[in-house]
Amino acid sequence: MKITQRQLAFILMAGMAAYTFVRGLLNLVFGDPILTIVLTWVVSAIFGLATWLYWRGWDGARFFATAGITLVVAAALPLTQETIVIFTPLAFAVAITNTQWVAGVGLAILLILLGRDVLENGIIDGIYANIPILASYLVQVTAFAAARFALDSARIEAERNAARAEAARAESEARAVAIEQQQRELIEQNQRQQELLELVSQLETPAVRIADGVLLAPLVGGIDSRRAGKITSRLLELVYERRVNVVIIDVAGVPVIDTAVANALTQTVRALRLLGCQVILTGISSQVALTLTHIGIDLKELDVASSPQEALQRWMAAQVSIIRPQRNNAEDTLN
């Protein structure tokens, strides 16, 4: 489990409050000097108050605790002998404050000790005024400050890396959303294009039902191989779906009918006949007829009429001629 800087500071201050309180009780049991007991409980009170304030959300509580233990330790240290207790405030400063506070705590302890030396003896002649000890102490303070500086630098770099990672993640998510949006737009665009192509295909080959089982397909404009294939496919589809018996293909709106167009029409007629459908070609002008004669197109397979009206009349007459004998035969049978 990852422990944050705030959690670490809270644990250290609460632990120090509990430890010094218990230590004061032990000092009382073993009959230690009353001053030692009082100072121990003062430290416990400082850390207890700092812990409560920190829990309440005051971030300055860790600096308050560090300053408190610094003052108590510096005021209680003996001036005639070295003790490792002098480094306790420094250790807490490294753990819960920053580089400036580590250096400040080290210098504050030294100044308080030298000041006490002057007040008590009138001169600076205590152990911490000894050049080798003073130099060693300053080296230790520098080492503590350097350690805190390294921790701060690592934390800042980690926060920067985390910020960059978060920015990269946000950018990646934004890019993914943009790509997804583009894909949806492309899908919608393809759908619209497909609908337009279907509409164009229907407009290229319009088909109108003009009688029961009769379909009129007026062709307009030029016809190439692509459009010829579309015409054939659409007419086959309509004939199959609508059960059409006759298809009237009117070519009056086709400006030019050459060999390719004539062959395409022939193929269309053959395909429609395979579905059992009769095909009548109308709208052939005199100029188109002359052109077809010159290029040698055989139109024997095509049933031709001058106009759609004539083709429809011809088909209706054929239907009547079929129905009348059937009716006469039915009447003869009844007689």
Protein backbone atom coordinates (compact mmCIF):
# COMPACT_ATOMS: atom_id res chain seq x y z
CA MET A 1 0.00 0.00 0.00
CA LYS A 2 1.35 3.40 -0.98
CA ILE A 3 1.72 5.91 1.89
CA THR A 4 1.39 9.57 1.01
CA GLN A 5 3.45 12.42 2.49
CA ARG A 6 0.45 13.52 4.54
CA GLN A 7 -0.16 10.05 5.94
CA LEU A 8 3.52 9.70 6.86
CA ALA A 9 3.51 13.04 8.71
CA PHE A 10 0.34 12.10 10.58
CA ILE A 11 1.77 8.71 11.61
CA LEU A 12 5.07 10.20 12.79
CA MET A 13 3.46 12.97 14.84
CA ALA A 14 0.89 10.64 16.41
CA GLY A 15 3.59 8.07 17.12
CA MET A 16 5.85 10.67 18.69
CA ALA A 17 3.00 11.93 20.88
CA ALA A 18 2.27 8.40 22.11
CA TYR A 19 5.96 7.51 22.59
CA THR A 20 6.83 10.62 24.63
CA PHE A 21 3.72 10.19 26.77
CA VAL A 22 4.66 6.60 27.60
CA ARG A 23 8.29 7.64 28.08
CA GLY A 24 7.18 10.29 30.58
CA LEU A 25 5.23 7.66 32.54
CA LEU A 26 8.29 5.38 32.62
CA ASN A 27 10.47 8.27 33.75
CA LEU A 28 7.97 8.91 36.55
CA VAL A 29 7.97 5.25 37.59
CA PHE A 30 11.76 5.01 37.65
CA GLY A 31 12.14 8.24 39.59
CA ASP A 32 13.90 10.34 36.95
CA PRO A 33 14.31 14.08 37.52
CA ILE A 34 11.07 16.01 37.47
CA LEU A 35 12.41 18.34 34.76
CA THR A 36 12.99 15.41 32.42
CA ILE A 37 9.45 14.15 33.04
CA VAL A 38 7.95 17.58 32.43
CA LEU A 39 9.93 18.17 29.23
CA THR A 40 8.97 14.73 27.93
CA TRP A 41 5.30 15.42 28.52
CA VAL A 42 5.65 18.88 26.98
CA VAL A 43 6.94 17.23 23.80
CA SER A 44 4.05 14.76 23.99
CA ALA A 45 1.58 17.63 24.31
CA ILE A 46 3.14 19.50 21.38
CA PHE A 47 2.92 16.45 19.11
CA GLY A 48 -0.55 15.57 20.34
CA LEU A 49 -1.81 19.08 19.55
CA ALA A 50 -0.03 19.08 16.18
CA THR A 51 -1.58 15.70 15.33
CA TRP A 52 -5.07 16.96 16.14
CA LEU A 53 -4.56 20.17 14.15
CA TYR A 54 -3.17 18.20 11.21
CA TRP A 55 -6.14 15.85 11.32
CA ARG A 56 -8.37 18.93 11.25
CA GLY A 57 -6.70 20.01 8.00
CA TRP A 58 -4.06 22.55 9.09
CA ASP A 59 -0.96 21.75 7.04
CA GLY A 60 1.20 24.05 9.18
CA ALA A 61 0.87 21.60 12.10
CA ARG A 62 3.94 19.65 10.94
CA PHE A 63 6.04 22.83 11.06
CA PHE A 64 4.57 23.66 14.46
CA ALA A 65 5.56 20.22 15.78
CA THR A 66 9.05 20.50 14.35
CA ALA A 67 9.57 23.95 15.85
CA GLY A 68 8.27 22.76 19.22
CA ILE A 69 10.58 19.77 19.50
CA THR A 70 13.47 21.94 18.28
CA LEU A 71 12.94 24.45 21.08
CA VAL A 72 12.49 21.79 23.78
CA VAL A 73 15.53 19.75 22.73
CA ALA A 74 17.76 22.81 22.32
CA ALA A 75 16.68 24.13 25.72
CA ALA A 76 17.22 20.81 27.54
CA LEU A 77 20.45 19.54 25.97
CA PRO A 78 23.49 19.46 28.27
CA LEU A 79 26.25 21.89 27.29
CA THR A 80 29.07 19.74 28.59
CA GLN A 81 28.62 16.48 26.66
CA GLU A 82 27.54 15.28 23.24
CA THR A 83 24.22 13.47 22.79
CA ILE A 84 22.46 12.04 19.76
CA VAL A 85 19.20 13.64 20.93
CA ILE A 86 20.42 16.77 19.16
CA PHE A 87 19.61 15.07 15.84
CA THR A 88 15.99 14.19 16.76
CA PRO A 89 14.52 17.51 15.52
CA LEU A 90 16.62 17.21 12.36
CA ALA A 91 15.25 13.72 11.69
CA PHE A 92 11.67 14.96 12.06
CA ALA A 93 12.40 17.96 9.88
CA VAL A 94 13.73 15.66 7.15
CA ALA A 95 10.66 13.42 7.40
CA ILE A 96 7.83 15.97 7.47
CA THR A 97 9.07 19.43 6.37
CA ASN A 98 11.34 20.70 3.59
CA THR A 99 14.98 21.56 2.85
CA GLN A 100 14.76 25.11 4.20
CA TRP A 101 13.30 23.91 7.48
CA VAL A 102 15.97 21.23 7.88
CA ALA A 103 18.71 23.83 7.53
CA GLY A 104 16.80 26.26 9.75
CA VAL A 105 16.30 23.66 12.50
CA GLY A 106 20.00 22.77 12.48
CA LEU A 107 21.09 26.38 12.73
CA ALA A 108 18.40 27.19 15.35
CA ILE A 109 19.61 24.37 17.64
CA LEU A 110 23.21 25.56 17.30
CA LEU A 111 22.35 29.20 18.00
CA ILE A 112 20.19 28.30 21.03
CA LEU A 113 22.99 26.14 22.48
CA LEU A 114 25.59 28.88 21.95
CA GLY A 115 23.21 31.47 23.41
CA ARG A 116 22.66 29.33 26.49
CA ASP A 117 26.40 28.99 26.81
CA VAL A 118 26.79 32.76 26.85
CA LEU A 119 23.95 33.26 29.32
CA GLU A 120 25.17 30.58 31.73
CA ASN A 121 28.96 31.09 31.51
CA GLY A 122 29.39 34.56 30.04
CA ILE A 123 31.54 33.14 27.27
CA ILE A 124 31.22 30.51 24.52
CA ASP A 125 33.19 27.57 25.88
CA GLY A 126 30.67 24.70 25.78
CA ILE A 127 31.24 21.44 23.96
CA TYR A 128 29.41 22.63 20.87
CA ALA A 129 31.87 25.53 20.58
CA ASN A 130 34.64 23.01 20.04
CA ILE A 131 35.80 23.41 16.44
CA PRO A 132 35.91 19.66 15.51
CA ILE A 133 32.51 18.99 17.13
CA LEU A 134 31.03 22.14 15.57
CA ALA A 135 32.37 21.15 12.15
CA SER A 136 31.02 17.61 12.55
CA TYR A 137 27.62 18.98 13.55
CA LEU A 138 27.49 21.33 10.57
CA VAL A 139 28.43 18.45 8.27
CA GLN A 140 25.56 16.40 9.72
CA VAL A 141 23.14 19.28 9.25
CA THR A 142 24.31 19.65 5.65
CA ALA A 143 23.82 15.90 5.10
CA PHE A 144 20.29 16.05 6.53
CA ALA A 145 19.47 19.06 4.33
CA ALA A 146 20.91 17.32 1.26
CA ALA A 147 18.82 14.23 2.00
CA ARG A 148 15.68 16.34 2.26
CA PHE A 149 16.60 18.18 -0.94
CA ALA A 150 16.99 14.84 -2.73
CA LEU A 151 13.58 13.74 -1.43
CA ASP A 152 11.98 17.01 -2.56
CA SER A 153 13.61 16.75 -5.99
CA ALA A 154 12.45 13.15 -6.38
CA ARG A 155 8.92 14.09 -5.30
CA ILE A 156 8.78 17.05 -7.68
CA GLU A 157 10.07 14.92 -10.54
CA ALA A 158 7.55 12.20 -9.71
CA GLU A 159 4.75 14.78 -9.68
CA ARG A 160 5.92 16.13 -13.03
CA ASN A 161 6.07 12.63 -14.48
CA ALA A 162 2.62 11.93 -13.09
CA ALA A 163 1.34 15.18 -14.60
CA ARG A 164 2.91 14.34 -17.96
CA ALA A 165 1.47 10.83 -17.79
CA GLU A 166 -1.96 12.23 -16.96
CA ALA A 167 -1.68 14.74 -19.80
CA ALA A 168 -0.61 11.96 -22.17
CA ARG A 169 -3.51 9.80 -21.00
CA ALA A 170 -5.96 12.67 -21.43
CA GLU A 171 -4.54 13.39 -24.89
CA SER A 172 -4.76 9.70 -25.79
CA GLU A 173 -8.38 9.56 -24.62
CA ALA A 174 -9.18 12.75 -26.54
CA ARG A 175 -7.51 11.31 -29.61
CA ALA A 176 -9.44 8.06 -29.21
CA VAL A 177 -12.68 10.02 -28.90
CA ALA A 178 -11.77 12.06 -31.98
CA ILE A 179 -10.95 8.89 -33.95
CA GLU A 180 -14.22 7.31 -32.83
CA GLN A 181 -16.08 10.45 -33.87
CA GLN A 182 -14.34 10.41 -37.24
CA GLN A 183 -15.26 6.75 -37.68
CA ARG A 184 -18.90 7.52 -36.90
CA GLU A 185 -18.82 10.43 -39.33
CA LEU A 186 -17.24 8.21 -42.01
CA ILE A 187 -19.89 5.54 -41.43
CA GLU A 188 -22.64 8.13 -41.67
CA GLN A 189 -21.03 9.63 -44.75
CA ASN A 190 -20.75 6.19 -46.37
CA GLN A 191 -24.40 5.53 -45.56
CA ARG A 192 -25.41 8.84 -47.11
CA GLN A 193 -23.28 8.11 -50.17
CA GLN A 194 -24.83 4.66 -50.45
CA GLU A 195 -28.30 6.18 -50.22
CA LEU A 196 -27.36 8.74 -52.88
CA LEU A 197 -25.98 5.99 -55.12
CA GLU A 198 -29.19 4.02 -54.70
CA LEU A 199 -31.19 7.15 -55.47
CA VAL A 200 -29.07 7.84 -58.55
CA SER A 201 -29.51 4.23 -59.62
CA GLN A 202 -33.27 4.56 -59.29
CA LEU A 203 -33.28 7.86 -61.17
CA GLU A 204 -31.10 6.39 -63.90
CA THR A 205 -33.59 3.59 -64.43
CA PRO A 206 -37.07 4.81 -63.53
CA ALA A 207 -39.80 2.21 -63.69
CA VAL A 208 -43.55 2.91 -63.62
CA ARG A 209 -46.36 0.41 -63.38
CA ILE A 210 -48.88 1.41 -66.05
CA ALA A 211 -51.14 -1.65 -65.91
CA ASP A 212 -51.52 -4.89 -64.05
CA GLY A 213 -48.34 -6.81 -64.80
CA VAL A 214 -47.00 -4.10 -67.14
CA LEU A 215 -43.90 -2.02 -66.33
CA LEU A 216 -42.71 1.03 -68.28
CA ALA A 217 -38.98 1.85 -68.12
CA PRO A 218 -38.20 5.14 -69.91
CA LEU A 219 -34.46 5.54 -70.49
CA VAL A 220 -33.00 9.06 -70.63
CA GLY A 221 -29.44 10.16 -71.32
CA GLY A 222 -26.35 8.35 -72.47
CA ILE A 223 -25.82 4.67 -71.74
CA ASP A 224 -22.40 3.18 -71.06
CA SER A 225 -21.35 -0.26 -69.84
CA ARG A 226 -21.77 0.68 -66.16
CA ARG A 227 -25.23 2.10 -66.62
CA ALA A 228 -26.26 -0.76 -68.88
CA GLY A 229 -25.39 -3.18 -66.08
CA LYS A 230 -27.39 -1.10 -63.60
CA ILE A 231 -30.39 -1.06 -65.96
CA THR A 232 -30.32 -4.82 -66.37
CA SER A 233 -29.94 -5.47 -62.61
CA ARG A 234 -32.75 -3.11 -61.66
CA LEU A 235 -35.19 -4.37 -64.23
CA LEU A 236 -34.51 -7.99 -63.28
CA GLU A 237 -35.06 -7.12 -59.61
CA LEU A 238 -38.34 -5.29 -60.29
CA VAL A 239 -39.68 -8.03 -62.57
CA TYR A 240 -38.92 -10.70 -59.98
CA GLU A 241 -40.33 -8.75 -57.01
CA ARG A 242 -43.49 -7.45 -58.72
CA ARG A 243 -44.25 -10.50 -60.86
CA VAL A 244 -44.22 -8.38 -64.03
CA ASN A 245 -45.35 -9.96 -67.31
CA VAL A 246 -44.41 -7.19 -69.75
CA VAL A 247 -41.62 -4.60 -69.68
CA ILE A 248 -41.84 -1.67 -72.08
CA ILE A 249 -38.40 -0.11 -72.55
CA ASP A 250 -38.70 3.34 -74.09
CA VAL A 251 -35.47 4.71 -75.58
CA ALA A 252 -36.87 7.98 -76.94
CA GLY A 253 -34.70 9.91 -74.45
CA VAL A 254 -31.44 8.17 -75.39
CA PRO A 255 -29.54 10.52 -77.74
CA VAL A 256 -27.21 7.92 -79.25
CA ILE A 257 -27.66 4.19 -79.71
CA ASP A 258 -24.50 2.57 -81.02
CA THR A 259 -23.27 -1.01 -81.19
CA ALA A 260 -22.49 -1.15 -77.47
CA VAL A 261 -25.88 0.25 -76.46
CA ALA A 262 -27.74 -2.08 -78.84
CA ASN A 263 -25.83 -5.11 -77.56
CA ALA A 264 -26.57 -4.04 -73.97
CA LEU A 265 -30.28 -3.77 -74.76
CA THR A 266 -30.18 -7.18 -76.37
CA GLN A 267 -28.57 -8.70 -73.29
CA THR A 268 -31.18 -7.04 -71.08
CA VAL A 269 -34.01 -8.47 -73.19
CA ARG A 270 -32.51 -11.95 -73.00
CA ALA A 271 -32.15 -11.75 -69.23
CA LEU A 272 -35.74 -10.57 -68.78
CA ARG A 273 -37.06 -13.34 -71.03
CA LEU A 274 -35.38 -15.91 -68.79
CA LEU A 275 -37.78 -14.73 -66.07
CA GLY A 276 -40.74 -15.35 -68.41
CA CYS A 277 -41.23 -11.66 -69.15
CA GLN A 278 -42.10 -10.17 -72.54
CA VAL A 279 -40.04 -7.11 -73.55
CA ILE A 280 -41.19 -4.41 -75.98
CA LEU A 281 -38.77 -1.72 -77.19
CA THR A 282 -40.31 1.66 -78.05
CA GLY A 283 -39.20 5.17 -78.95
CA ILE A 284 -36.79 4.33 -81.79
CA SER A 285 -36.52 7.43 -83.96
CA SER A 286 -35.85 7.44 -87.69
CA GLN A 287 -32.28 8.64 -87.10
CA VAL A 288 -31.64 5.86 -84.57
CA ALA A 289 -33.20 3.31 -86.93
CA LEU A 290 -30.91 4.51 -89.74
CA THR A 291 -27.89 4.29 -87.43
CA LEU A 292 -28.76 0.76 -86.35
CA THR A 293 -29.16 -0.26 -90.00
CA HIS A 294 -25.74 1.14 -90.93
CA ILE A 295 -23.91 -0.57 -88.04
CA GLY A 296 -25.61 -3.88 -88.80
CA ILE A 297 -27.33 -4.55 -85.48
CA ASP A 298 -29.73 -7.53 -85.66
CA LEU A 299 -32.90 -6.58 -83.82
CA LYS A 300 -34.81 -9.74 -84.59
CA GLU A 301 -34.81 -10.67 -80.90
CA LEU A 302 -36.47 -7.35 -80.02
CA ASP A 303 -40.20 -6.76 -80.05
CA VAL A 304 -40.53 -3.16 -81.29
CA ALA A 305 -43.38 -0.64 -81.09
CA SER A 306 -43.52 3.03 -82.06
CA SER A 307 -44.58 4.26 -78.61
CA PRO A 308 -45.43 2.95 -75.13
CA GLN A 309 -49.12 3.54 -75.83
CA GLU A 310 -48.97 1.27 -78.89
CA ALA A 311 -47.07 -1.37 -76.95
CA LEU A 312 -49.67 -1.29 -74.18
CA GLN A 313 -52.57 -1.50 -76.65
CA ARG A 314 -50.90 -4.39 -78.42
CA TRP A 315 -50.44 -6.26 -75.16
CA MET A 316 -54.06 -5.60 -74.08
CA ALA A 317 -55.33 -6.80 -77.43
CA ALA A 318 -53.29 -9.95 -77.05
CA GLN A 319 -54.79 -10.51 -73.63
CA VAL A 320 -58.30 -10.10 -75.00
CA SER A 321 -57.62 -12.56 -77.80
CA ILE A 322 -56.45 -15.08 -75.26
CA ILE A 323 -59.34 -14.59 -72.85
CA ARG A 324 -62.13 -14.68 -75.53
CA PRO A 325 -61.44 -18.22 -76.84
CA GLN A 326 -61.15 -19.43 -73.26
CA ARG A 327 -64.58 -17.92 -72.49
CA ASN A 328 -66.15 -19.46 -75.63
CA ASN A 329 -64.75 -22.87 -74.73
CA ALA A 330 -66.17 -22.50 -71.23
CA GLU A 331 -69.63 -21.60 -72.62
CA ASP A 332 -69.56 -24.57 -75.05
CA THR A 333 -68.72 -26.87 -72.21
CA LEU A 334 -71.68 -25.59 -70.19
CA ASN A 335 -74.05 -26.03 -73.17
